[in-house]
Amino acid sequence: MGAPARGRASTKRMRASDNPSGACVKRCTPGTIGPSRQLPFGAGVTRRSRPPAESAGTSPGLRRTAMLQALRPLPGGWARAALQGWGRARAPGAASRPSARRRAPGTGLPAWARGVASQGLGPAPDGFPGLKAEQQQQMAQTLTDWERRLLDRLGNGLLSGNRSCLAEGITLVESTHRQKKHLAQLLLQKVLTCQRERERLNGRRPLAFRLGLSGPPGAGKSTFIEKFGTTLTEKGHKVAVLAVDPSSKTSGGSLLGDKTRMIELSRNMNAYIRPSPTLGTLGGVTRTTNEAIILCEGAGYDIVLVETVGVGQSEFAVADMVDMFILFISPAGGDELQGIKRGIIEMADLVVVTKSDGDLLVPARKIQTEYTSALKLLHKKSKSWKPKVMRVSSKYGEGFTELWEKMVEFHTTLVASGELQIKRQNQQKVWMWNIIRENITEYFCNHPAVRNQIPSLEEKVVSGDVTPGLAADILLRTFSAVE
């Protein structure tokens, strides 16, 4: 009985010795890590095991065999990702870090970058227009080998509908790191170029329907999305939900709890839910909501739902990002006077009264009538569409069929009249200016002449020697004089 035990122990030791990297590798049972696992940014490429130092005469084939032995216990996805990075073995005597080498001008460009760079002004996709070939090439030349491989992996995976690549892509565009923001723009360039070609083949018609869902806190937006998204997936649509949660002013954190109200939808493989924090951005959305919408459309989702945080009367930034802006109100959402106040009401293409069931059924019918009459007094923002007021019950699933029919009618009407295409073109300009406003404060504060005067002027403002307006004028004059 003792001999077999020693045999098993020796087998374990032999298996441990097969790992040339010397790293502790944990065996995973089948099904514990599936292909849908969302790995961290760059996982599987930068955190790969390295084999021990070898002699100069070792062939790349033997080195690859050693890596296969080291990666055999790992799940297939991780092993493939690591082997793709390690398979490009460097020759003896080459630089110790091939990923740190810079690309020579005009060489080694990814396939999609070569196609863009060879067309002069390029295809000028929406959101990144007018880049000349030399500008495209200059942007690509600053990338390392690892960054080029990352862009190719994310771009190709995202355009083929890979959910993990979509998640990594959104994480990349949400990053505030300077180099990662640079990578995000190149990724968006690739996706937008592909989307432009797809729309050309579709007769210049949009491939996706963008819906913005907004309303006060507690209006039932997340519960509505759970039922509505499930209904759409049953009709054969692929639904992406971009849920925005408020960030704390004290700690900077965010709960990101909207997904907890979408349990069934989150299990649906035809739906993708991505919660994101506002990080201080006003208007109910994040600073990268536009980019996330583009990436979701590139991944093949034909309906994108953008759920804002609980907003007030003057927060409707999402209206400049979507095709249809839907306002949710509860049965106790005020009287007719609230409906005719300027602000978020006049931006709505559709008003939905939620919780229209039980004891709230009568109040819901009353507020529907009042808002219907109030909308007649507001200025029309579309020549071919009149805003409607409808009632739904997420608890019993009532009103969803009629609501979807109105949405389809809206989309069909605006596409036929050409308003939707013009609307999206105008939204591109709004997107550009939003980015400028976002970065201009940082550029102003980091200017050397301004940065040197800020501490002293802040002290004078705090002590009361200088008014805030005068201090601001001094800084602005300093900035304009230097420029």
Protein backbone atom coordinates (compact mmCIF):
# COMPACT_ATOMS: atom_id res chain seq x y z
CA MET A 1 0.00 0.00 0.00
CA GLY A 2 2.93 2.31 0.67
CA ALA A 3 4.48 1.94 -2.77
CA PRO A 4 1.54 3.34 -4.73
CA ALA A 5 1.38 6.30 -2.40
CA ARG A 6 5.06 7.01 -3.06
CA GLY A 7 4.36 6.59 -6.76
CA ARG A 8 1.58 9.16 -6.67
CA ALA A 9 3.75 11.54 -4.70
CA SER A 10 6.57 11.15 -7.19
CA THR A 11 4.11 11.74 -10.03
CA LYS A 12 3.06 15.01 -8.42
CA ARG A 13 6.69 16.02 -8.06
CA MET A 14 7.36 15.16 -11.69
CA ARG A 15 4.38 17.24 -12.80
CA ALA A 16 5.59 20.14 -10.73
CA SER A 17 9.02 19.86 -12.29
CA ASP A 18 7.49 20.05 -15.77
CA ASN A 19 6.81 23.74 -15.14
CA PRO A 20 10.01 25.44 -16.40
CA SER A 21 8.96 28.84 -15.10
CA GLY A 22 9.01 27.70 -11.51
CA ALA A 23 5.70 29.54 -10.91
CA CYS A 24 2.93 28.07 -8.85
CA VAL A 25 0.17 27.14 -11.31
CA LYS A 26 -3.30 26.36 -10.02
CA ARG A 27 -5.38 23.77 -11.83
CA CYS A 28 -8.91 24.94 -12.67
CA THR A 29 -11.82 22.57 -12.95
CA PRO A 30 -13.79 22.73 -16.20
CA GLY A 31 -16.41 25.45 -16.18
CA THR A 32 -14.85 27.58 -13.45
CA ILE A 33 -13.46 30.10 -15.92
CA GLY A 34 -15.35 30.42 -19.18
CA PRO A 35 -14.75 32.47 -22.30
CA SER A 36 -17.09 35.20 -21.01
CA ARG A 37 -14.77 36.03 -18.09
CA GLN A 38 -13.76 39.69 -18.34
CA LEU A 39 -10.01 39.86 -17.81
CA PRO A 40 -8.25 43.03 -16.60
CA PHE A 41 -6.77 45.48 -19.05
CA GLY A 42 -4.02 43.68 -21.00
CA ALA A 43 -4.42 40.39 -19.10
CA GLY A 44 -2.86 37.34 -20.68
CA VAL A 45 -0.22 39.37 -22.52
CA THR A 46 1.78 41.34 -19.97
CA ARG A 47 1.41 38.87 -17.09
CA ARG A 48 2.78 35.81 -18.85
CA SER A 49 5.35 33.47 -17.35
CA ARG A 50 8.85 33.57 -18.76
CA PRO A 51 10.97 30.43 -19.22
CA PRO A 52 14.41 30.39 -17.60
CA ALA A 53 17.40 31.90 -19.33
CA GLU A 54 18.55 29.76 -22.23
CA SER A 55 21.72 29.48 -24.18
CA ALA A 56 22.18 31.45 -27.34
CA GLY A 57 21.83 28.31 -29.41
CA THR A 58 18.35 27.36 -28.19
CA SER A 59 15.88 27.27 -31.04
CA PRO A 60 12.54 29.12 -30.93
CA GLY A 61 10.77 25.77 -31.34
CA LEU A 62 12.23 24.44 -28.07
CA ARG A 63 11.35 27.66 -26.29
CA ARG A 64 7.77 27.40 -27.51
CA THR A 65 7.64 23.77 -26.30
CA ALA A 66 8.75 24.93 -22.85
CA MET A 67 5.99 27.52 -22.80
CA LEU A 68 3.44 24.88 -23.80
CA GLN A 69 4.48 22.76 -20.84
CA ALA A 70 4.23 25.74 -18.49
CA LEU A 71 0.82 26.80 -19.80
CA ARG A 72 -0.73 23.33 -20.06
CA PRO A 73 -2.58 23.62 -16.69
CA LEU A 74 -4.08 27.00 -17.60
CA PRO A 75 -7.54 27.49 -19.20
CA GLY A 76 -7.52 27.57 -22.99
CA GLY A 77 -8.20 31.32 -23.34
CA TRP A 78 -5.31 32.32 -21.11
CA ALA A 79 -2.94 29.85 -22.73
CA ARG A 80 -3.75 31.08 -26.24
CA ALA A 81 -3.39 34.74 -25.25
CA ALA A 82 -0.02 34.13 -23.58
CA LEU A 83 1.27 31.99 -26.44
CA GLN A 84 0.30 34.63 -28.99
CA GLY A 85 2.51 37.09 -27.13
CA TRP A 86 5.37 34.63 -26.43
CA GLY A 87 5.25 32.97 -29.84
CA ARG A 88 7.01 35.95 -31.40
CA ALA A 89 10.37 34.79 -30.07
CA ARG A 90 13.18 37.30 -30.44
CA ALA A 91 16.49 36.36 -31.96
CA PRO A 92 19.57 35.90 -29.73
CA GLY A 93 21.24 39.19 -29.01
CA ALA A 94 18.10 41.24 -29.63
CA ALA A 95 16.80 43.87 -27.22
CA SER A 96 15.64 42.45 -23.88
CA ARG A 97 12.20 44.09 -24.15
CA PRO A 98 10.79 43.89 -27.69
CA SER A 99 7.59 45.61 -26.59
CA ALA A 100 9.57 48.76 -25.80
CA ARG A 101 10.95 49.16 -29.32
CA ARG A 102 9.44 51.95 -31.37
CA ARG A 103 8.09 51.26 -34.82
CA ALA A 104 10.04 52.59 -37.76
CA PRO A 105 8.17 55.20 -39.82
CA GLY A 106 5.72 53.61 -42.22
CA THR A 107 6.47 50.00 -41.20
CA GLY A 108 4.65 47.47 -39.06
CA LEU A 109 1.30 49.19 -39.16
CA PRO A 110 -1.77 47.08 -38.38
CA ALA A 111 -3.84 46.12 -41.40
CA TRP A 112 -6.63 48.55 -40.60
CA ALA A 113 -4.16 51.41 -39.98
CA ARG A 114 -2.40 50.74 -43.31
CA GLY A 115 -5.75 50.96 -45.08
CA VAL A 116 -6.56 54.31 -43.48
CA ALA A 117 -3.08 55.76 -43.92
CA SER A 118 -2.96 54.94 -47.61
CA GLN A 119 -6.04 57.00 -48.51
CA GLY A 120 -4.78 60.55 -48.09
CA LEU A 121 -7.47 62.18 -45.99
CA GLY A 122 -8.82 58.75 -45.00
CA PRO A 123 -12.46 57.76 -44.94
CA ALA A 124 -13.25 60.60 -42.48
CA PRO A 125 -15.47 58.53 -40.17
CA ASP A 126 -17.97 60.22 -37.87
CA GLY A 127 -16.35 61.35 -34.64
CA PHE A 128 -12.73 61.32 -35.93
CA PRO A 129 -12.87 63.18 -39.27
CA GLY A 130 -10.27 64.69 -41.57
CA LEU A 131 -7.07 63.01 -40.40
CA LYS A 132 -4.41 63.10 -43.10
CA ALA A 133 -2.23 60.09 -43.86
CA GLU A 134 0.83 61.54 -42.15
CA GLN A 135 -1.23 62.34 -39.04
CA GLN A 136 -2.57 58.79 -38.94
CA GLN A 137 0.94 57.44 -39.38
CA GLN A 138 2.40 59.73 -36.73
CA MET A 139 -0.20 58.57 -34.21
CA ALA A 140 0.52 54.92 -34.98
CA GLN A 141 4.31 55.34 -34.77
CA THR A 142 4.14 56.17 -31.05
CA LEU A 143 2.80 52.70 -30.21
CA THR A 144 4.84 49.85 -28.81
CA ASP A 145 4.58 46.30 -30.10
CA TRP A 146 2.37 45.35 -27.14
CA GLU A 147 0.05 48.29 -27.78
CA ARG A 148 -0.29 47.39 -31.46
CA ARG A 149 -1.14 43.81 -30.58
CA LEU A 150 -3.65 45.06 -27.99
CA LEU A 151 -5.39 47.33 -30.51
CA ASP A 152 -5.59 44.54 -33.08
CA ARG A 153 -6.96 42.09 -30.50
CA LEU A 154 -9.56 44.51 -29.12
CA GLY A 155 -10.58 45.85 -32.52
CA ASN A 156 -10.95 42.49 -34.23
CA GLY A 157 -12.59 40.87 -31.21
CA LEU A 158 -15.02 43.75 -30.68
CA LEU A 159 -16.08 43.88 -34.33
CA SER A 160 -16.72 40.14 -34.23
CA GLY A 161 -19.04 40.54 -31.21
CA ASN A 162 -16.71 39.39 -28.42
CA ARG A 163 -18.18 40.63 -25.12
CA SER A 164 -14.85 40.54 -23.27
CA CYS A 165 -13.21 42.73 -25.90
CA LEU A 166 -16.17 45.12 -25.70
CA ALA A 167 -15.77 45.37 -21.93
CA GLU A 168 -12.02 46.01 -22.25
CA GLY A 169 -12.66 48.57 -24.97
CA ILE A 170 -15.09 50.55 -22.80
CA THR A 171 -12.62 50.38 -19.91
CA LEU A 172 -9.97 51.77 -22.25
CA VAL A 173 -12.08 54.75 -23.37
CA GLU A 174 -13.03 55.48 -19.75
CA SER A 175 -9.40 55.70 -18.69
CA THR A 176 -7.93 59.13 -17.92
CA HIS A 177 -4.35 57.98 -18.56
CA ARG A 178 -2.84 60.00 -21.40
CA GLN A 179 -1.45 57.07 -23.39
CA LYS A 180 -4.58 54.98 -22.90
CA LYS A 181 -6.70 57.88 -24.15
CA HIS A 182 -4.48 57.88 -27.23
CA LEU A 183 -5.08 54.13 -27.70
CA ALA A 184 -8.81 54.66 -27.21
CA GLN A 185 -8.97 57.15 -30.07
CA LEU A 186 -7.22 54.71 -32.39
CA LEU A 187 -9.63 51.96 -31.37
CA LEU A 188 -12.57 54.27 -32.03
CA GLN A 189 -11.08 55.12 -35.41
CA LYS A 190 -11.09 51.47 -36.39
CA VAL A 191 -14.64 50.86 -35.15
CA LEU A 192 -16.03 53.99 -36.78
CA THR A 193 -14.38 53.12 -40.09
CA CYS A 194 -15.97 49.68 -40.02
CA GLN A 195 -19.36 51.12 -39.00
CA ARG A 196 -19.23 53.63 -41.83
CA GLU A 197 -18.68 50.83 -44.33
CA ARG A 198 -21.53 48.79 -42.83
CA GLU A 199 -23.90 51.74 -43.07
CA ARG A 200 -22.86 52.30 -46.68
CA LEU A 201 -23.84 48.73 -47.48
CA ASN A 202 -27.13 49.34 -45.62
CA GLY A 203 -28.10 52.23 -47.87
CA ARG A 204 -26.67 54.96 -45.58
CA ARG A 205 -29.26 54.07 -42.94
CA PRO A 206 -28.24 53.74 -39.27
CA LEU A 207 -27.71 50.18 -38.13
CA ALA A 208 -28.62 50.77 -34.49
CA PHE A 209 -31.38 52.52 -32.59
CA ARG A 210 -30.14 54.69 -29.71
CA LEU A 211 -32.57 55.31 -26.85
CA GLY A 212 -31.95 57.67 -23.95
CA LEU A 213 -33.92 56.94 -20.77
CA SER A 214 -34.05 59.69 -18.18
CA GLY A 215 -36.20 60.81 -15.29
CA PRO A 216 -36.19 61.69 -11.60
CA PRO A 217 -34.87 59.23 -8.99
CA GLY A 218 -37.28 56.42 -8.23
CA ALA A 219 -39.25 56.71 -11.48
CA GLY A 220 -38.66 53.03 -12.27
CA LYS A 221 -36.08 53.27 -15.09
CA SER A 222 -34.04 50.19 -14.15
CA THR A 223 -37.10 48.02 -13.55
CA PHE A 224 -38.48 49.13 -16.91
CA ILE A 225 -35.23 48.21 -18.68
CA GLU A 226 -35.33 44.72 -17.13
CA LYS A 227 -38.75 43.98 -18.64
CA PHE A 228 -38.33 45.97 -21.83
CA GLY A 229 -34.89 44.56 -22.64
CA THR A 230 -36.14 41.01 -22.17
CA THR A 231 -39.03 41.74 -24.53
CA LEU A 232 -36.64 43.05 -27.19
CA THR A 233 -34.30 40.06 -26.97
CA GLU A 234 -37.29 37.76 -27.45
CA LYS A 235 -37.98 39.62 -30.69
CA GLY A 236 -34.45 38.80 -31.91
CA HIS A 237 -32.70 42.08 -31.05
CA LYS A 238 -29.33 42.47 -29.36
CA VAL A 239 -29.61 45.01 -26.55
CA ALA A 240 -26.80 46.99 -24.89
CA VAL A 241 -27.56 48.88 -21.67
CA LEU A 242 -25.26 51.69 -20.53
CA ALA A 243 -26.34 52.44 -16.97
CA VAL A 244 -24.92 55.57 -15.33
CA ASP A 245 -24.63 55.83 -11.55
CA PRO A 246 -23.81 58.98 -9.56
CA SER A 247 -20.40 59.32 -7.94
CA SER A 248 -19.89 60.44 -4.36
CA LYS A 249 -18.62 63.99 -3.85
CA THR A 250 -16.87 62.96 -0.61
CA SER A 251 -15.26 59.60 -1.40
CA GLY A 252 -15.41 59.65 -5.21
CA GLY A 253 -16.84 56.13 -5.28
CA SER A 254 -19.99 54.85 -6.98
CA LEU A 255 -22.33 52.02 -6.02
CA LEU A 256 -23.05 50.88 -9.61
CA GLY A 257 -26.17 49.13 -8.37
CA ASP A 258 -28.48 49.44 -11.38
CA LYS A 259 -27.48 45.98 -12.58
CA THR A 260 -28.96 44.40 -9.44
CA ARG A 261 -32.43 45.33 -10.75
CA MET A 262 -31.72 43.62 -14.08
CA ILE A 263 -31.00 40.06 -12.90
CA GLU A 264 -32.80 38.23 -15.70
CA LEU A 265 -31.53 40.57 -18.42
CA SER A 266 -27.94 40.26 -17.22
CA ARG A 267 -28.13 36.49 -17.77
CA ASN A 268 -29.33 36.92 -21.35
CA MET A 269 -26.53 36.36 -23.87
CA ASN A 270 -28.24 38.75 -26.32
CA ALA A 271 -27.94 41.58 -23.81
CA TYR A 272 -24.94 43.45 -22.45
CA ILE A 273 -25.14 45.69 -19.36
CA ARG A 274 -22.36 48.11 -18.48
CA PRO A 275 -22.68 50.32 -15.36
CA SER A 276 -20.40 53.37 -15.25
CA PRO A 277 -19.86 56.22 -12.74
CA THR A 278 -20.41 59.86 -13.59
CA LEU A 279 -17.11 60.93 -11.99
CA GLY A 280 -18.44 64.44 -11.52
CA THR A 281 -19.83 64.86 -15.05
CA LEU A 282 -23.10 66.81 -15.10
CA GLY A 283 -26.15 66.14 -17.25
CA GLY A 284 -26.84 62.59 -16.05
CA VAL A 285 -24.23 60.85 -18.24
CA THR A 286 -20.48 60.16 -18.19
CA ARG A 287 -17.81 61.93 -20.21
CA THR A 288 -17.34 58.79 -22.36
CA THR A 289 -20.96 57.79 -23.01
CA ASN A 290 -20.63 58.70 -26.69
CA GLU A 291 -17.59 56.46 -27.10
CA ALA A 292 -19.29 53.57 -25.30
CA ILE A 293 -22.30 53.84 -27.64
CA ILE A 294 -20.02 53.60 -30.68
CA LEU A 295 -18.26 50.52 -29.31
CA CYS A 296 -21.55 48.78 -28.49
CA GLU A 297 -22.81 49.39 -32.02
CA GLY A 298 -19.54 48.09 -33.44
CA ALA A 299 -19.99 44.89 -31.44
CA GLY A 300 -23.30 44.24 -33.20
CA TYR A 301 -25.88 45.53 -30.71
CA ASP A 302 -28.71 47.04 -32.73
CA ILE A 303 -30.48 48.67 -29.76
CA VAL A 304 -28.51 50.76 -27.25
CA LEU A 305 -30.28 51.94 -24.09
CA VAL A 306 -28.60 54.74 -22.13
CA GLU A 307 -30.00 55.04 -18.62
CA THR A 308 -29.04 58.29 -16.91
CA VAL A 309 -28.82 59.00 -13.22
CA GLY A 310 -31.84 60.52 -11.50
CA VAL A 311 -32.04 64.01 -13.02
CA GLY A 312 -33.92 67.27 -12.58
CA GLN A 313 -35.53 69.73 -14.96
CA SER A 314 -32.36 71.08 -16.60
CA GLU A 315 -30.26 67.92 -17.04
CA PHE A 316 -30.75 66.45 -20.48
CA ALA A 317 -27.24 65.95 -21.91
CA VAL A 318 -28.22 62.47 -23.08
CA ALA A 319 -30.60 64.03 -25.63
CA ASP A 320 -27.52 65.05 -27.67
CA MET A 321 -26.27 61.45 -27.79
CA VAL A 322 -29.30 59.36 -28.79
CA ASP A 323 -31.90 59.10 -31.52
CA MET A 324 -34.91 59.13 -29.20
CA PHE A 325 -35.08 60.76 -25.78
CA ILE A 326 -37.62 59.20 -23.40
CA LEU A 327 -38.64 60.86 -20.15
CA PHE A 328 -40.00 58.74 -17.29
CA ILE A 329 -42.32 60.25 -14.69
CA SER A 330 -44.14 58.64 -11.78
CA PRO A 331 -47.90 59.03 -11.19
CA ALA A 332 -47.12 61.67 -8.56
CA GLY A 333 -44.93 63.67 -10.91
CA GLY A 334 -46.72 66.99 -10.60
CA ASP A 335 -49.56 68.76 -12.37
CA GLU A 336 -49.99 70.39 -15.78
CA LEU A 337 -47.85 73.34 -14.73
CA GLN A 338 -44.85 71.04 -14.34
CA GLY A 339 -45.42 69.83 -17.88
CA ILE A 340 -45.23 73.26 -19.51
CA LYS A 341 -42.04 74.31 -17.70
CA ARG A 342 -39.13 74.67 -20.09
CA GLY A 343 -36.28 72.22 -19.72
CA ILE A 344 -36.22 68.46 -19.90
CA ILE A 345 -39.92 68.18 -20.85
CA GLU A 346 -39.53 70.02 -24.15
CA MET A 347 -36.55 67.82 -25.07
CA ALA A 348 -38.54 64.58 -24.72
CA ASP A 349 -39.69 62.66 -27.79
CA LEU A 350 -41.79 60.37 -25.64
CA VAL A 351 -43.09 60.70 -22.07
CA VAL A 352 -43.74 57.45 -20.19
CA VAL A 353 -45.83 57.32 -17.01
CA THR A 354 -44.56 54.36 -14.99
CA LYS A 355 -46.18 52.29 -12.20
CA SER A 356 -49.56 52.43 -13.90
CA ASP A 357 -51.15 49.65 -11.86
CA GLY A 358 -53.04 49.02 -8.63
CA ASP A 359 -53.86 52.08 -6.55
CA LEU A 360 -51.75 54.27 -8.83
CA LEU A 361 -53.74 53.47 -11.97
CA VAL A 362 -56.15 56.40 -11.58
CA PRO A 363 -53.38 58.96 -10.81
CA ALA A 364 -51.42 57.61 -13.77
CA ARG A 365 -54.33 58.17 -16.14
CA LYS A 366 -54.81 61.68 -14.77
CA ILE A 367 -51.19 62.71 -15.22
CA GLN A 368 -51.18 61.21 -18.73
CA THR A 369 -54.07 63.49 -19.67
CA GLU A 370 -52.46 66.55 -18.11
CA TYR A 371 -49.10 66.04 -19.80
CA THR A 372 -50.75 65.34 -23.15
CA SER A 373 -52.44 68.74 -23.04
CA ALA A 374 -49.27 70.42 -21.73
CA LEU A 375 -47.10 69.13 -24.57
CA LYS A 376 -49.35 70.92 -27.06
CA LEU A 377 -48.15 74.26 -25.67
CA LEU A 378 -44.45 73.51 -26.11
CA HIS A 379 -42.37 74.31 -29.18
CA LYS A 380 -41.96 71.36 -31.55
CA LYS A 381 -38.36 70.32 -32.13
CA SER A 382 -39.18 67.95 -35.00
CA LYS A 383 -41.15 68.66 -38.15
CA SER A 384 -42.33 65.07 -38.56
CA TRP A 385 -42.95 63.87 -35.00
CA LYS A 386 -45.23 64.96 -32.17
CA PRO A 387 -44.28 63.81 -28.66
CA LYS A 388 -46.62 61.25 -27.11
CA VAL A 389 -47.50 60.36 -23.51
CA MET A 390 -47.96 56.66 -22.68
CA ARG A 391 -48.49 54.50 -19.60
CA VAL A 392 -46.68 51.25 -18.68
CA SER A 393 -46.65 48.83 -15.79
CA SER A 394 -43.33 47.07 -15.27
CA LYS A 395 -44.89 44.95 -12.53
CA TYR A 396 -47.43 43.32 -14.84
CA GLY A 397 -45.71 43.94 -18.19
CA GLU A 398 -48.55 46.08 -19.55
CA GLY A 399 -48.08 48.69 -22.27
CA PHE A 400 -44.72 47.45 -23.56
CA THR A 401 -46.01 46.28 -26.94
CA GLU A 402 -47.72 49.60 -27.66
CA LEU A 403 -44.66 51.49 -26.43
CA TRP A 404 -42.32 49.59 -28.77
CA GLU A 405 -44.65 50.21 -31.69
CA LYS A 406 -44.42 53.97 -31.02
CA MET A 407 -40.64 53.76 -30.88
CA VAL A 408 -40.49 51.93 -34.20
CA GLU A 409 -42.86 54.51 -35.69
CA PHE A 410 -40.59 57.31 -34.49
CA HIS A 411 -37.49 55.67 -35.95
CA THR A 412 -39.17 54.90 -39.28
CA THR A 413 -40.56 58.43 -39.59
CA LEU A 414 -37.26 60.18 -38.90
CA VAL A 415 -35.25 57.89 -41.18
CA ALA A 416 -37.72 58.41 -44.04
CA SER A 417 -37.63 62.19 -43.63
CA GLY A 418 -33.83 62.33 -43.28
CA GLU A 419 -34.04 64.01 -39.86
CA LEU A 420 -32.26 61.17 -38.07
CA GLN A 421 -29.17 61.41 -40.25
CA ILE A 422 -29.02 65.20 -39.79
CA LYS A 423 -29.55 64.78 -36.05
CA ARG A 424 -26.60 62.41 -35.76
CA GLN A 425 -24.38 64.76 -37.75
CA ASN A 426 -25.22 67.63 -35.39
CA GLN A 427 -24.54 65.38 -32.42
CA GLN A 428 -21.01 64.82 -33.71
CA LYS A 429 -20.34 68.56 -33.44
CA VAL A 430 -21.78 68.66 -29.92
CA TRP A 431 -19.55 65.70 -29.02
CA MET A 432 -16.47 67.56 -30.30
CA TRP A 433 -17.22 70.70 -28.29
CA ASN A 434 -17.94 68.69 -25.17
CA ILE A 435 -14.47 67.18 -25.40
CA ILE A 436 -12.96 70.64 -25.87
CA ARG A 437 -14.78 71.98 -22.81
CA GLU A 438 -13.68 68.97 -20.82
CA ASN A 439 -9.99 69.49 -21.57
CA ILE A 440 -9.73 73.28 -21.76
CA THR A 441 -9.73 73.75 -17.95
CA GLU A 442 -6.89 71.26 -17.57
CA TYR A 443 -4.95 72.95 -20.36
CA PHE A 444 -5.53 76.36 -18.78
CA CYS A 445 -4.43 75.30 -15.28
CA ASN A 446 -1.31 73.52 -16.57
CA HIS A 447 -0.11 76.55 -18.54
CA PRO A 448 3.22 77.67 -16.93
CA ALA A 449 2.37 81.38 -16.66
CA VAL A 450 -1.06 80.67 -15.16
CA ARG A 451 0.10 77.87 -12.88
CA ASN A 452 2.66 80.13 -11.20
CA GLN A 453 0.02 82.76 -10.29
CA ILE A 454 -2.74 80.43 -9.09
CA PRO A 455 -1.45 79.84 -5.49
CA SER A 456 -0.94 83.54 -4.68
CA LEU A 457 -4.26 84.58 -6.18
CA GLU A 458 -6.09 81.83 -4.30
CA GLU A 459 -4.63 83.11 -1.03
CA LYS A 460 -5.72 86.67 -1.82
CA VAL A 461 -9.24 85.48 -2.66
CA VAL A 462 -9.48 83.51 0.59
CA SER A 463 -8.22 86.48 2.64
CA GLY A 464 -10.65 88.85 0.90
CA ASP A 465 -7.99 91.09 -0.65
CA VAL A 466 -9.14 90.25 -4.19
CA THR A 467 -12.60 89.33 -5.42
CA PRO A 468 -13.01 86.00 -7.24
CA GLY A 469 -14.05 87.82 -10.42
CA LEU A 470 -10.95 90.02 -10.44
CA ALA A 471 -8.67 87.03 -9.79
CA ALA A 472 -10.25 85.17 -12.68
CA ASP A 473 -9.77 88.18 -14.96
CA ILE A 474 -6.09 88.39 -14.03
CA LEU A 475 -5.53 84.72 -14.84
CA LEU A 476 -7.42 84.97 -18.13
CA ARG A 477 -5.45 88.06 -19.19
CA THR A 478 -2.20 86.31 -18.30
CA PHE A 479 -3.19 83.30 -20.37
CA SER A 480 -4.27 85.36 -23.39
CA ALA A 481 -1.19 87.63 -23.22
CA VAL A 482 1.21 84.69 -23.26
CA GLU A 483 -0.67 83.01 -26.08
